[in-house]
Amino acid sequence: MVLMNTDVLEGWLRENEEKLGSNEVNCVDVDEAFEPCDVLSKQMMDCTASDLAVEDAIYALDKAAQEGAIPFDQYLRNVRLLSREQFFHRATASKVRAVQMQAQVASMASRASTQYAF
């Protein structure tokens, strides 16, 4: 299965390298690889990226504190600030997820009502 998936991926890469040309392959912007379909999806992607970035920063601070590279009081201050920021990103993501779910349910309900209309 892995070999088959590898072959499919390599074939896709060969096709797209030819389409883009050898000079442009190195210029593909990773941030533009995924494009959100609406404003809520973009907001969810931004919140998730920020949440994960804060998580990485806290992990790096944790390692620095374990190695004694930063004083413990500075570690606590920075972790407290980052945790607060992360809370807001997660709260926003939760609200966006709820709105997306509500929109999806409304869409399903409207499709169901038109399907069974007499």
PDB file of N, CA and C in Angstrom:
ATOM      1  N   MET A   1       0.822  -1.189   0.000  1.00  0.00           N
ATOM      2  CA  MET A   1       0.000   0.000   0.000  1.00  0.00           C
ATOM      3  C   MET A   1       0.873   1.263   0.000  1.00  0.00           C
ATOM      4  N   VAL A   2       1.926   1.254   0.835  1.00  0.00           N
ATOM      5  CA  VAL A   2       2.809   2.406   0.907  1.00  0.00           C
ATOM      6  C   VAL A   2       3.536   2.599  -0.426  1.00  0.00           C
ATOM      7  N   LEU A   3       3.996   1.505  -1.027  1.00  0.00           N
ATOM      8  CA  LEU A   3       4.689   1.614  -2.311  1.00  0.00           C
ATOM      9  C   LEU A   3       3.756   2.136  -3.401  1.00  0.00           C
ATOM     10  N   MET A   4       2.511   1.682  -3.385  1.00  0.00           N
ATOM     11  CA  MET A   4       1.556   2.153  -4.379  1.00  0.00           C
ATOM     12  C   MET A   4       1.299   3.654  -4.182  1.00  0.00           C
ATOM     13  N   ASN A   5       1.099   4.089  -2.949  1.00  0.00           N
ATOM     14  CA  ASN A   5       0.883   5.511  -2.673  1.00  0.00           C
ATOM     15  C   ASN A   5       2.108   6.343  -3.046  1.00  0.00           C
ATOM     16  N   THR A   6       3.287   5.797  -2.812  1.00  0.00           N
ATOM     17  CA  THR A   6       4.518   6.490  -3.184  1.00  0.00           C
ATOM     18  C   THR A   6       4.594   6.664  -4.696  1.00  0.00           C
ATOM     19  N   ASP A   7       4.250   5.612  -5.434  1.00  0.00           N
ATOM     20  CA  ASP A   7       4.248   5.699  -6.898  1.00  0.00           C
ATOM     21  C   ASP A   7       3.257   6.741  -7.395  1.00  0.00           C
ATOM     22  N   VAL A   8       2.070   6.763  -6.813  1.00  0.00           N
ATOM     23  CA  VAL A   8       1.057   7.745  -7.213  1.00  0.00           C
ATOM     24  C   VAL A   8       1.556   9.157  -6.931  1.00  0.00           C
ATOM     25  N   LEU A   9       2.138   9.374  -5.771  1.00  0.00           N
ATOM     26  CA  LEU A   9       2.645  10.690  -5.400  1.00  0.00           C
ATOM     27  C   LEU A   9       3.803  11.118  -6.300  1.00  0.00           C
ATOM     28  N   GLU A  10       4.712  10.199  -6.596  1.00  0.00           N
ATOM     29  CA  GLU A  10       5.825  10.524  -7.479  1.00  0.00           C
ATOM     30  C   GLU A  10       5.336  10.866  -8.883  1.00  0.00           C
ATOM     31  N   GLY A  11       4.320  10.139  -9.360  1.00  0.00           N
ATOM     32  CA  GLY A  11       3.740  10.447 -10.667  1.00  0.00           C
ATOM     33  C   GLY A  11       3.118  11.831 -10.688  1.00  0.00           C
ATOM     34  N   TRP A  12       2.404  12.170  -9.617  1.00  0.00           N
ATOM     35  CA  TRP A  12       1.782  13.494  -9.526  1.00  0.00           C
ATOM     36  C   TRP A  12       2.855  14.578  -9.529  1.00  0.00           C
ATOM     37  N   LEU A  13       3.941  14.359  -8.783  1.00  0.00           N
ATOM     38  CA  LEU A  13       5.024  15.332  -8.733  1.00  0.00           C
ATOM     39  C   LEU A  13       5.678  15.519 -10.098  1.00  0.00           C
ATOM     40  N   ARG A  14       5.908  14.404 -10.820  1.00  0.00           N
ATOM     41  CA  ARG A  14       6.504  14.504 -12.156  1.00  0.00           C
ATOM     42  C   ARG A  14       5.617  15.318 -13.095  1.00  0.00           C
ATOM     43  N   GLU A  15       4.316  15.048 -13.062  1.00  0.00           N
ATOM     44  CA  GLU A  15       3.385  15.781 -13.922  1.00  0.00           C
ATOM     45  C   GLU A  15       3.398  17.269 -13.611  1.00  0.00           C
ATOM     46  N   ASN A  16       3.358  17.596 -12.337  1.00  0.00           N
ATOM     47  CA  ASN A  16       3.287  19.002 -11.949  1.00  0.00           C
ATOM     48  C   ASN A  16       4.616  19.726 -12.099  1.00  0.00           C
ATOM     49  N   GLU A  17       5.730  19.027 -11.987  1.00  0.00           N
ATOM     50  CA  GLU A  17       7.024  19.653 -12.249  1.00  0.00           C
ATOM     51  C   GLU A  17       7.120  20.059 -13.709  1.00  0.00           C
ATOM     52  N   GLU A  18       6.598  19.210 -14.591  1.00  0.00           N
ATOM     53  CA  GLU A  18       6.622  19.532 -16.014  1.00  0.00           C
ATOM     54  C   GLU A  18       5.718  20.724 -16.314  1.00  0.00           C
ATOM     55  N   LYS A  19       4.569  20.797 -15.655  1.00  0.00           N
ATOM     56  CA  LYS A  19       3.641  21.894 -15.890  1.00  0.00           C
ATOM     57  C   LYS A  19       4.215  23.222 -15.403  1.00  0.00           C
ATOM     58  N   LEU A  20       4.854  23.215 -14.232  1.00  0.00           N
ATOM     59  CA  LEU A  20       5.376  24.442 -13.653  1.00  0.00           C
ATOM     60  C   LEU A  20       6.735  24.834 -14.219  1.00  0.00           C
ATOM     61  N   GLY A  21       7.464  23.866 -14.718  1.00  0.00           N
ATOM     62  CA  GLY A  21       8.828  24.139 -15.152  1.00  0.00           C
ATOM     63  C   GLY A  21       9.774  23.971 -13.983  1.00  0.00           C
ATOM     64  N   SER A  22      10.999  23.660 -14.248  1.00  0.00           N
ATOM     65  CA  SER A  22      11.951  23.358 -13.170  1.00  0.00           C
ATOM     66  C   SER A  22      12.255  24.573 -12.304  1.00  0.00           C
ATOM     67  N   ASN A  23      12.196  25.792 -12.845  1.00  0.00           N
ATOM     68  CA  ASN A  23      12.517  26.985 -12.049  1.00  0.00           C
ATOM     69  C   ASN A  23      11.429  27.331 -11.060  1.00  0.00           C
ATOM     70  N   GLU A  24      10.178  27.065 -11.403  1.00  0.00           N
ATOM     71  CA  GLU A  24       9.070  27.472 -10.552  1.00  0.00           C
ATOM     72  C   GLU A  24       8.758  26.475  -9.448  1.00  0.00           C
ATOM     73  N   VAL A  25       9.273  25.244  -9.527  1.00  0.00           N
ATOM     74  CA  VAL A  25       8.969  24.229  -8.515  1.00  0.00           C
ATOM     75  C   VAL A  25       9.473  24.679  -7.152  1.00  0.00           C
ATOM     76  N   ASN A  26      10.622  25.303  -7.107  1.00  0.00           N
ATOM     77  CA  ASN A  26      11.185  25.746  -5.842  1.00  0.00           C
ATOM     78  C   ASN A  26      10.485  26.991  -5.305  1.00  0.00           C
ATOM     79  N   CYS A  27       9.640  27.631  -6.109  1.00  0.00           N
ATOM     80  CA  CYS A  27       8.988  28.873  -5.713  1.00  0.00           C
ATOM     81  C   CYS A  27       7.551  28.671  -5.251  1.00  0.00           C
ATOM     82  N   VAL A  28       7.114  27.431  -5.085  1.00  0.00           N
ATOM     83  CA  VAL A  28       5.742  27.184  -4.650  1.00  0.00           C
ATOM     84  C   VAL A  28       5.610  27.616  -3.201  1.00  0.00           C
ATOM     85  N   ASP A  29       4.628  28.472  -2.923  1.00  0.00           N
ATOM     86  CA  ASP A  29       4.401  28.983  -1.571  1.00  0.00           C
ATOM     87  C   ASP A  29       3.561  27.976  -0.794  1.00  0.00           C
ATOM     88  N   VAL A  30       4.107  27.465   0.285  1.00  0.00           N
ATOM     89  CA  VAL A  30       3.433  26.454   1.085  1.00  0.00           C
ATOM     90  C   VAL A  30       2.128  26.987   1.673  1.00  0.00           C
ATOM     91  N   ASP A  31       2.103  28.272   2.026  1.00  0.00           N
ATOM     92  CA  ASP A  31       0.900  28.862   2.614  1.00  0.00           C
ATOM     93  C   ASP A  31      -0.251  28.917   1.629  1.00  0.00           C
ATOM     94  N   GLU A  32       0.047  28.879   0.340  1.00  0.00           N
ATOM     95  CA  GLU A  32      -1.003  28.918  -0.665  1.00  0.00           C
ATOM     96  C   GLU A  32      -1.397  27.529  -1.155  1.00  0.00           C
ATOM     97  N   ALA A  33      -0.827  26.489  -0.559  1.00  0.00           N
ATOM     98  CA  ALA A  33      -1.156  25.123  -0.974  1.00  0.00           C
ATOM     99  C   ALA A  33      -2.595  24.770  -0.617  1.00  0.00           C
ATOM    100  N   PHE A  34      -3.074  25.294   0.496  1.00  0.00           N
ATOM    101  CA  PHE A  34      -4.450  25.061   0.919  1.00  0.00           C
ATOM    102  C   PHE A  34      -5.161  26.394   0.968  1.00  0.00           C
ATOM    103  N   GLU A  35      -6.276  26.442   0.297  1.00  0.00           N
ATOM    104  CA  GLU A  35      -7.040  27.682   0.252  1.00  0.00           C
ATOM    105  C   GLU A  35      -8.390  27.439   0.913  1.00  0.00           C
ATOM    106  N   PRO A  36      -8.707  28.205   1.961  1.00  0.00           N
ATOM    107  CA  PRO A  36     -10.005  28.011   2.621  1.00  0.00           C
ATOM    108  C   PRO A  36     -11.156  28.396   1.693  1.00  0.00           C
ATOM    109  N   CYS A  37     -12.279  27.688   1.845  1.00  0.00           N
ATOM    110  CA  CYS A  37     -13.414  27.898   0.948  1.00  0.00           C
ATOM    111  C   CYS A  37     -14.299  29.056   1.386  1.00  0.00           C
ATOM    112  N   ASP A  38     -14.186  29.502   2.631  1.00  0.00           N
ATOM    113  CA  ASP A  38     -14.990  30.630   3.102  1.00  0.00           C
ATOM    114  C   ASP A  38     -14.271  31.334   4.254  1.00  0.00           C
ATOM    115  N   VAL A  39     -14.879  32.404   4.747  1.00  0.00           N
ATOM    116  CA  VAL A  39     -14.260  33.217   5.791  1.00  0.00           C
ATOM    117  C   VAL A  39     -14.095  32.419   7.088  1.00  0.00           C
ATOM    118  N   LEU A  40     -15.100  31.616   7.426  1.00  0.00           N
ATOM    119  CA  LEU A  40     -15.017  30.838   8.668  1.00  0.00           C
ATOM    120  C   LEU A  40     -13.898  29.803   8.592  1.00  0.00           C
ATOM    121  N   SER A  41     -13.721  29.193   7.442  1.00  0.00           N
ATOM    122  CA  SER A  41     -12.647  28.209   7.281  1.00  0.00           C
ATOM    123  C   SER A  41     -11.282  28.880   7.409  1.00  0.00           C
ATOM    124  N   LYS A  42     -11.147  30.083   6.853  1.00  0.00           N
ATOM    125  CA  LYS A  42      -9.891  30.815   6.970  1.00  0.00           C
ATOM    126  C   LYS A  42      -9.630  31.165   8.430  1.00  0.00           C
ATOM    127  N   GLN A  43     -10.666  31.605   9.133  1.00  0.00           N
ATOM    128  CA  GLN A  43     -10.513  31.950  10.541  1.00  0.00           C
ATOM    129  C   GLN A  43     -10.140  30.717  11.357  1.00  0.00           C
ATOM    130  N   MET A  44     -10.749  29.579  11.039  1.00  0.00           N
ATOM    131  CA  MET A  44     -10.428  28.338  11.753  1.00  0.00           C
ATOM    132  C   MET A  44      -8.976  27.927  11.489  1.00  0.00           C
ATOM    133  N   MET A  45      -8.541  28.060  10.242  1.00  0.00           N
ATOM    134  CA  MET A  45      -7.169  27.703   9.903  1.00  0.00           C
ATOM    135  C   MET A  45      -6.183  28.631  10.616  1.00  0.00           C
ATOM    136  N   ASP A  46      -6.488  29.920  10.661  1.00  0.00           N
ATOM    137  CA  ASP A  46      -5.616  30.874  11.350  1.00  0.00           C
ATOM    138  C   ASP A  46      -5.550  30.596  12.855  1.00  0.00           C
ATOM    139  N   CYS A  47      -6.700  30.305  13.455  1.00  0.00           N
ATOM    140  CA  CYS A  47      -6.735  30.005  14.896  1.00  0.00           C
ATOM    141  C   CYS A  47      -5.951  28.732  15.213  1.00  0.00           C
ATOM    142  N   THR A  48      -6.119  27.735  14.375  1.00  0.00           N
ATOM    143  CA  THR A  48      -5.411  26.473  14.601  1.00  0.00           C
ATOM    144  C   THR A  48      -3.910  26.654  14.439  1.00  0.00           C
ATOM    145  N   ALA A  49      -3.502  27.403  13.421  1.00  0.00           N
ATOM    146  CA  ALA A  49      -2.076  27.657  13.209  1.00  0.00           C
ATOM    147  C   ALA A  49      -1.483  28.430  14.385  1.00  0.00           C
ATOM    148  N   SER A  50      -2.206  29.427  14.861  1.00  0.00           N
ATOM    149  CA  SER A  50      -1.723  30.220  16.000  1.00  0.00           C
ATOM    150  C   SER A  50      -1.650  29.372  17.265  1.00  0.00           C
ATOM    151  N   ASP A  51      -2.652  28.538  17.481  1.00  0.00           N
ATOM    152  CA  ASP A  51      -2.677  27.652  18.641  1.00  0.00           C
ATOM    153  C   ASP A  51      -1.461  26.724  18.619  1.00  0.00           C
ATOM    154  N   LEU A  52      -1.189  26.136  17.473  1.00  0.00           N
ATOM    155  CA  LEU A  52      -0.056  25.213  17.366  1.00  0.00           C
ATOM    156  C   LEU A  52       1.283  25.941  17.487  1.00  0.00           C
ATOM    157  N   ALA A  53       1.346  27.174  16.997  1.00  0.00           N
ATOM    158  CA  ALA A  53       2.577  27.960  17.139  1.00  0.00           C
ATOM    159  C   ALA A  53       2.851  28.273  18.603  1.00  0.00           C
ATOM    160  N   VAL A  54       1.807  28.624  19.332  1.00  0.00           N
ATOM    161  CA  VAL A  54       1.966  28.879  20.764  1.00  0.00           C
ATOM    162  C   VAL A  54       2.391  27.600  21.482  1.00  0.00           C
ATOM    163  N   GLU A  55       1.809  26.494  21.081  1.00  0.00           N
ATOM    164  CA  GLU A  55       2.177  25.197  21.679  1.00  0.00           C
ATOM    165  C   GLU A  55       3.664  24.918  21.466  1.00  0.00           C
ATOM    166  N   ASP A  56       4.167  25.185  20.265  1.00  0.00           N
ATOM    167  CA  ASP A  56       5.594  24.992  19.976  1.00  0.00           C
ATOM    168  C   ASP A  56       6.460  25.927  20.818  1.00  0.00           C
ATOM    169  N   ALA A  57       6.006  27.164  20.982  1.00  0.00           N
ATOM    170  CA  ALA A  57       6.767  28.125  21.779  1.00  0.00           C
ATOM    171  C   ALA A  57       6.831  27.688  23.246  1.00  0.00           C
ATOM    172  N   ILE A  58       5.723  27.210  23.774  1.00  0.00           N
ATOM    173  CA  ILE A  58       5.709  26.736  25.163  1.00  0.00           C
ATOM    174  C   ILE A  58       6.625  25.525  25.319  1.00  0.00           C
ATOM    175  N   TYR A  59       6.619  24.641  24.332  1.00  0.00           N
ATOM    176  CA  TYR A  59       7.497  23.469  24.367  1.00  0.00           C
ATOM    177  C   TYR A  59       8.967  23.905  24.381  1.00  0.00           C
ATOM    178  N   ALA A  60       9.308  24.886  23.532  1.00  0.00           N
ATOM    179  CA  ALA A  60      10.683  25.375  23.481  1.00  0.00           C
ATOM    180  C   ALA A  60      11.070  26.041  24.802  1.00  0.00           C
ATOM    181  N   LEU A  61      10.147  26.806  25.392  1.00  0.00           N
ATOM    182  CA  LEU A  61      10.421  27.407  26.702  1.00  0.00           C
ATOM    183  C   LEU A  61      10.624  26.341  27.765  1.00  0.00           C
ATOM    184  N   ASP A  62       9.840  25.280  27.706  1.00  0.00           N
ATOM    185  CA  ASP A  62       9.959  24.187  28.664  1.00  0.00           C
ATOM    186  C   ASP A  62      11.345  23.540  28.580  1.00  0.00           C
ATOM    187  N   LYS A  63      11.783  23.287  27.353  1.00  0.00           N
ATOM    188  CA  LYS A  63      13.116  22.700  27.170  1.00  0.00           C
ATOM    189  C   LYS A  63      14.206  23.649  27.661  1.00  0.00           C
ATOM    190  N   ALA A  64      14.040  24.956  27.370  1.00  0.00           N
ATOM    191  CA  ALA A  64      15.030  25.942  27.813  1.00  0.00           C
ATOM    192  C   ALA A  64      15.089  26.010  29.334  1.00  0.00           C
ATOM    193  N   ALA A  65      13.938  25.928  29.983  1.00  0.00           N
ATOM    194  CA  ALA A  65      13.911  25.961  31.447  1.00  0.00           C
ATOM    195  C   ALA A  65      14.547  24.700  32.036  1.00  0.00           C
ATOM    196  N   GLN A  66      14.303  23.555  31.405  1.00  0.00           N
ATOM    197  CA  GLN A  66      14.903  22.306  31.884  1.00  0.00           C
ATOM    198  C   GLN A  66      16.416  22.330  31.776  1.00  0.00           C
ATOM    199  N   GLU A  67      16.914  22.986  30.721  1.00  0.00           N
ATOM    200  CA  GLU A  67      18.358  23.050  30.522  1.00  0.00           C
ATOM    201  C   GLU A  67      18.999  24.211  31.292  1.00  0.00           C
ATOM    202  N   GLY A  68      18.184  25.041  31.932  1.00  0.00           N
ATOM    203  CA  GLY A  68      18.693  26.163  32.698  1.00  0.00           C
ATOM    204  C   GLY A  68      19.087  27.355  31.843  1.00  0.00           C
ATOM    205  N   ALA A  69      18.596  27.412  30.611  1.00  0.00           N
ATOM    206  CA  ALA A  69      18.942  28.510  29.703  1.00  0.00           C
ATOM    207  C   ALA A  69      18.205  29.800  30.040  1.00  0.00           C
ATOM    208  N   ILE A  70      17.045  29.680  30.707  1.00  0.00           N
ATOM    209  CA  ILE A  70      16.306  30.878  31.131  1.00  0.00           C
ATOM    210  C   ILE A  70      15.947  30.719  32.605  1.00  0.00           C
ATOM    211  N   PRO A  71      15.844  31.823  33.316  1.00  0.00           N
ATOM    212  CA  PRO A  71      15.444  31.753  34.729  1.00  0.00           C
ATOM    213  C   PRO A  71      13.995  31.273  34.856  1.00  0.00           C
ATOM    214  N   PHE A  72      13.713  30.634  35.967  1.00  0.00           N
ATOM    215  CA  PHE A  72      12.396  30.037  36.162  1.00  0.00           C
ATOM    216  C   PHE A  72      11.286  31.079  36.205  1.00  0.00           C
ATOM    217  N   ASP A  73      11.542  32.246  36.809  1.00  0.00           N
ATOM    218  CA  ASP A  73      10.501  33.277  36.867  1.00  0.00           C
ATOM    219  C   ASP A  73      10.178  33.814  35.476  1.00  0.00           C
ATOM    220  N   GLN A  74      11.173  33.934  34.621  1.00  0.00           N
ATOM    221  CA  GLN A  74      10.938  34.365  33.249  1.00  0.00           C
ATOM    222  C   GLN A  74      10.158  33.289  32.472  1.00  0.00           C
ATOM    223  N   TYR A  75      10.498  32.032  32.745  1.00  0.00           N
ATOM    224  CA  TYR A  75       9.776  30.920  32.130  1.00  0.00           C
ATOM    225  C   TYR A  75       8.293  30.982  32.496  1.00  0.00           C
ATOM    226  N   LEU A  76       7.988  31.149  33.782  1.00  0.00           N
ATOM    227  CA  LEU A  76       6.600  31.200  34.233  1.00  0.00           C
ATOM    228  C   LEU A  76       5.848  32.388  33.634  1.00  0.00           C
ATOM    229  N   ARG A  77       6.492  33.538  33.588  1.00  0.00           N
ATOM    230  CA  ARG A  77       5.862  34.731  33.028  1.00  0.00           C
ATOM    231  C   ARG A  77       5.505  34.519  31.556  1.00  0.00           C
ATOM    232  N   ASN A  78       6.453  33.979  30.794  1.00  0.00           N
ATOM    233  CA  ASN A  78       6.210  33.753  29.365  1.00  0.00           C
ATOM    234  C   ASN A  78       5.170  32.672  29.119  1.00  0.00           C
ATOM    235  N   VAL A  79       5.203  31.612  29.904  1.00  0.00           N
ATOM    236  CA  VAL A  79       4.213  30.551  29.739  1.00  0.00           C
ATOM    237  C   VAL A  79       2.824  31.062  30.089  1.00  0.00           C
ATOM    238  N   ARG A  80       2.721  31.892  31.110  1.00  0.00           N
ATOM    239  CA  ARG A  80       1.429  32.470  31.487  1.00  0.00           C
ATOM    240  C   ARG A  80       0.874  33.338  30.355  1.00  0.00           C
ATOM    241  N   LEU A  81       1.720  34.181  29.770  1.00  0.00           N
ATOM    242  CA  LEU A  81       1.287  35.045  28.664  1.00  0.00           C
ATOM    243  C   LEU A  81       0.885  34.219  27.440  1.00  0.00           C
ATOM    244  N   LEU A  82       1.694  33.234  27.116  1.00  0.00           N
ATOM    245  CA  LEU A  82       1.388  32.395  25.952  1.00  0.00           C
ATOM    246  C   LEU A  82       0.136  31.554  26.177  1.00  0.00           C
ATOM    247  N   SER A  83      -0.044  31.078  27.393  1.00  0.00           N
ATOM    248  CA  SER A  83      -1.234  30.275  27.705  1.00  0.00           C
ATOM    249  C   SER A  83      -2.502  31.105  27.564  1.00  0.00           C
ATOM    250  N   ARG A  84      -2.429  32.341  27.975  1.00  0.00           N
ATOM    251  CA  ARG A  84      -3.581  33.243  27.826  1.00  0.00           C
ATOM    252  C   ARG A  84      -3.902  33.448  26.346  1.00  0.00           C
ATOM    253  N   GLU A  85      -2.869  33.701  25.556  1.00  0.00           N
ATOM    254  CA  GLU A  85      -3.061  33.874  24.112  1.00  0.00           C
ATOM    255  C   GLU A  85      -3.642  32.600  23.488  1.00  0.00           C
ATOM    256  N   GLN A  86      -3.109  31.452  23.909  1.00  0.00           N
ATOM    257  CA  GLN A  86      -3.594  30.181  23.377  1.00  0.00           C
ATOM    258  C   GLN A  86      -5.051  29.946  23.752  1.00  0.00           C
ATOM    259  N   PHE A  87      -5.441  30.341  24.949  1.00  0.00           N
ATOM    260  CA  PHE A  87      -6.831  30.211  25.364  1.00  0.00           C
ATOM    261  C   PHE A  87      -7.754  30.965  24.411  1.00  0.00           C
ATOM    262  N   PHE A  88      -7.387  32.197  24.067  1.00  0.00           N
ATOM    263  CA  PHE A  88      -8.234  32.987  23.174  1.00  0.00           C
ATOM    264  C   PHE A  88      -8.317  32.370  21.777  1.00  0.00           C
ATOM    265  N   HIS A  89      -7.206  31.817  21.298  1.00  0.00           N
ATOM    266  CA  HIS A  89      -7.238  31.147  19.987  1.00  0.00           C
ATOM    267  C   HIS A  89      -8.155  29.925  20.027  1.00  0.00           C
ATOM    268  N   ARG A  90      -8.073  29.167  21.112  1.00  0.00           N
ATOM    269  CA  ARG A  90      -8.916  27.971  21.220  1.00  0.00           C
ATOM    270  C   ARG A  90     -10.380  28.335  21.408  1.00  0.00           C
ATOM    271  N   ALA A  91     -10.652  29.390  22.159  1.00  0.00           N
ATOM    272  CA  ALA A  91     -12.035  29.834  22.347  1.00  0.00           C
ATOM    273  C   ALA A  91     -12.626  30.308  21.025  1.00  0.00           C
ATOM    274  N   THR A  92     -11.852  31.060  20.259  1.00  0.00           N
ATOM    275  CA  THR A  92     -12.321  31.519  18.948  1.00  0.00           C
ATOM    276  C   THR A  92     -12.573  30.339  18.033  1.00  0.00           C
ATOM    277  N   ALA A  93     -11.655  29.377  18.033  1.00  0.00           N
ATOM    278  CA  ALA A  93     -11.821  28.184  17.191  1.00  0.00           C
ATOM    279  C   ALA A  93     -13.077  27.418  17.585  1.00  0.00           C
ATOM    280  N   SER A  94     -13.357  27.341  18.873  1.00  0.00           N
ATOM    281  CA  SER A  94     -14.557  26.648  19.340  1.00  0.00           C
ATOM    282  C   SER A  94     -15.819  27.350  18.854  1.00  0.00           C
ATOM    283  N   LYS A  95     -15.832  28.667  18.908  1.00  0.00           N
ATOM    284  CA  LYS A  95     -16.997  29.428  18.439  1.00  0.00           C
ATOM    285  C   LYS A  95     -17.162  29.295  16.927  1.00  0.00           C
ATOM    286  N   VAL A  96     -16.066  29.344  16.203  1.00  0.00           N
ATOM    287  CA  VAL A  96     -16.130  29.184  14.746  1.00  0.00           C
ATOM    288  C   VAL A  96     -16.648  27.793  14.396  1.00  0.00           C
ATOM    289  N   ARG A  97     -16.171  26.793  15.109  1.00  0.00           N
ATOM    290  CA  ARG A  97     -16.630  25.409  14.873  1.00  0.00           C
ATOM    291  C   ARG A  97     -18.131  25.291  15.109  1.00  0.00           C
ATOM    292  N   ALA A  98     -18.631  25.956  16.147  1.00  0.00           N
ATOM    293  CA  ALA A  98     -20.071  25.922  16.431  1.00  0.00           C
ATOM    294  C   ALA A  98     -20.868  26.594  15.323  1.00  0.00           C
ATOM    295  N   VAL A  99     -20.376  27.726  14.827  1.00  0.00           N
ATOM    296  CA  VAL A  99     -21.071  28.422  13.740  1.00  0.00           C
ATOM    297  C   VAL A  99     -21.040  27.579  12.464  1.00  0.00           C
ATOM    298  N   GLN A 100     -19.894  26.943  12.197  1.00  0.00           N
ATOM    299  CA  GLN A 100     -19.799  26.071  11.020  1.00  0.00           C
ATOM    300  C   GLN A 100     -20.771  24.901  11.135  1.00  0.00           C
ATOM    301  N   MET A 101     -20.869  24.326  12.320  1.00  0.00           N
ATOM    302  CA  MET A 101     -21.788  23.204  12.531  1.00  0.00           C
ATOM    303  C   MET A 101     -23.225  23.651  12.347  1.00  0.00           C
ATOM    304  N   GLN A 102     -23.558  24.825  12.865  1.00  0.00           N
ATOM    305  CA  GLN A 102     -24.910  25.359  12.721  1.00  0.00           C
ATOM    306  C   GLN A 102     -25.231  25.601  11.247  1.00  0.00           C
ATOM    307  N   ALA A 103     -24.280  26.135  10.504  1.00  0.00           N
ATOM    308  CA  ALA A 103     -24.488  26.374   9.072  1.00  0.00           C
ATOM    309  C   ALA A 103     -24.651  25.060   8.320  1.00  0.00           C
ATOM    310  N   GLN A 104     -23.898  24.048   8.715  1.00  0.00           N
ATOM    311  CA  GLN A 104     -24.003  22.749   8.063  1.00  0.00           C
ATOM    312  C   GLN A 104     -25.364  22.112   8.342  1.00  0.00           C
ATOM    313  N   VAL A 105     -25.838  22.208   9.563  1.00  0.00           N
ATOM    314  CA  VAL A 105     -27.152  21.658   9.914  1.00  0.00           C
ATOM    315  C   VAL A 105     -28.254  22.397   9.157  1.00  0.00           C
ATOM    316  N   ALA A 106     -28.142  23.717   9.082  1.00  0.00           N
ATOM    317  CA  ALA A 106     -29.140  24.499   8.342  1.00  0.00           C
ATOM    318  C   ALA A 106     -29.142  24.127   6.870  1.00  0.00           C
ATOM    319  N   SER A 107     -27.974  23.904   6.313  1.00  0.00           N
ATOM    320  CA  SER A 107     -27.874  23.505   4.907  1.00  0.00           C
ATOM    321  C   SER A 107     -28.506  22.130   4.691  1.00  0.00           C
ATOM    322  N   MET A 108     -28.243  21.211   5.604  1.00  0.00           N
ATOM    323  CA  MET A 108     -28.824  19.864   5.492  1.00  0.00           C
ATOM    324  C   MET A 108     -30.339  19.931   5.633  1.00  0.00           C
ATOM    325  N   ALA A 109     -30.823  20.781   6.527  1.00  0.00           N
ATOM    326  CA  ALA A 109     -32.267  20.912   6.740  1.00  0.00           C
ATOM    327  C   ALA A 109     -32.945  21.502   5.510  1.00  0.00           C
ATOM    328  N   SER A 110     -32.307  22.482   4.897  1.00  0.00           N
ATOM    329  CA  SER A 110     -32.921  23.081   3.704  1.00  0.00           C
ATOM    330  C   SER A 110     -32.940  22.094   2.546  1.00  0.00           C
ATOM    331  N   ARG A 111     -31.884  21.275   2.422  1.00  0.00           N
ATOM    332  CA  ARG A 111     -31.880  20.257   1.362  1.00  0.00           C
ATOM    333  C   ARG A 111     -32.932  19.189   1.623  1.00  0.00           C
ATOM    334  N   ALA A 112     -33.102  18.822   2.887  1.00  0.00           N
ATOM    335  CA  ALA A 112     -34.084  17.799   3.233  1.00  0.00           C
ATOM    336  C   ALA A 112     -35.495  18.307   2.999  1.00  0.00           C
ATOM    337  N   SER A 113     -35.739  19.577   3.314  1.00  0.00           N
ATOM    338  CA  SER A 113     -37.094  20.119   3.138  1.00  0.00           C
ATOM    339  C   SER A 113     -37.451  20.236   1.661  1.00  0.00           C
ATOM    340  N   THR A 114     -36.508  20.580   0.814  1.00  0.00           N
ATOM    341  CA  THR A 114     -36.814  20.656  -0.624  1.00  0.00           C
ATOM    342  C   THR A 114     -36.945  19.270  -1.234  1.00  0.00           C
ATOM    343  N   GLN A 115     -36.250  18.312  -0.666  1.00  0.00           N
ATOM    344  CA  GLN A 115     -36.302  16.941  -1.203  1.00  0.00           C
ATOM    345  C   GLN A 115     -37.644  16.293  -0.918  1.00  0.00           C
ATOM    346  N   TYR A 116     -38.242  16.587   0.233  1.00  0.00           N
ATOM    347  CA  TYR A 116     -39.506  15.952   0.634  1.00  0.00           C
ATOM    348  C   TYR A 116     -40.713  16.864   0.500  1.00  0.00           C
ATOM    349  N   ALA A 117     -40.559  17.982  -0.187  1.00  0.00           N
ATOM    350  CA  ALA A 117     -41.688  18.915  -0.379  1.00  0.00           C
ATOM    351  C   ALA A 117     -42.739  18.291  -1.305  1.00  0.00           C
ATOM    352  N   PHE A 118     -43.990  18.522  -0.992  1.00  0.00           N
ATOM    353  CA  PHE A 118     -45.062  17.946  -1.808  1.00  0.00           C
ATOM    354  C   PHE A 118     -45.686  18.977  -2.668  1.00  0.00           C
TER     355      PHE A 118
END
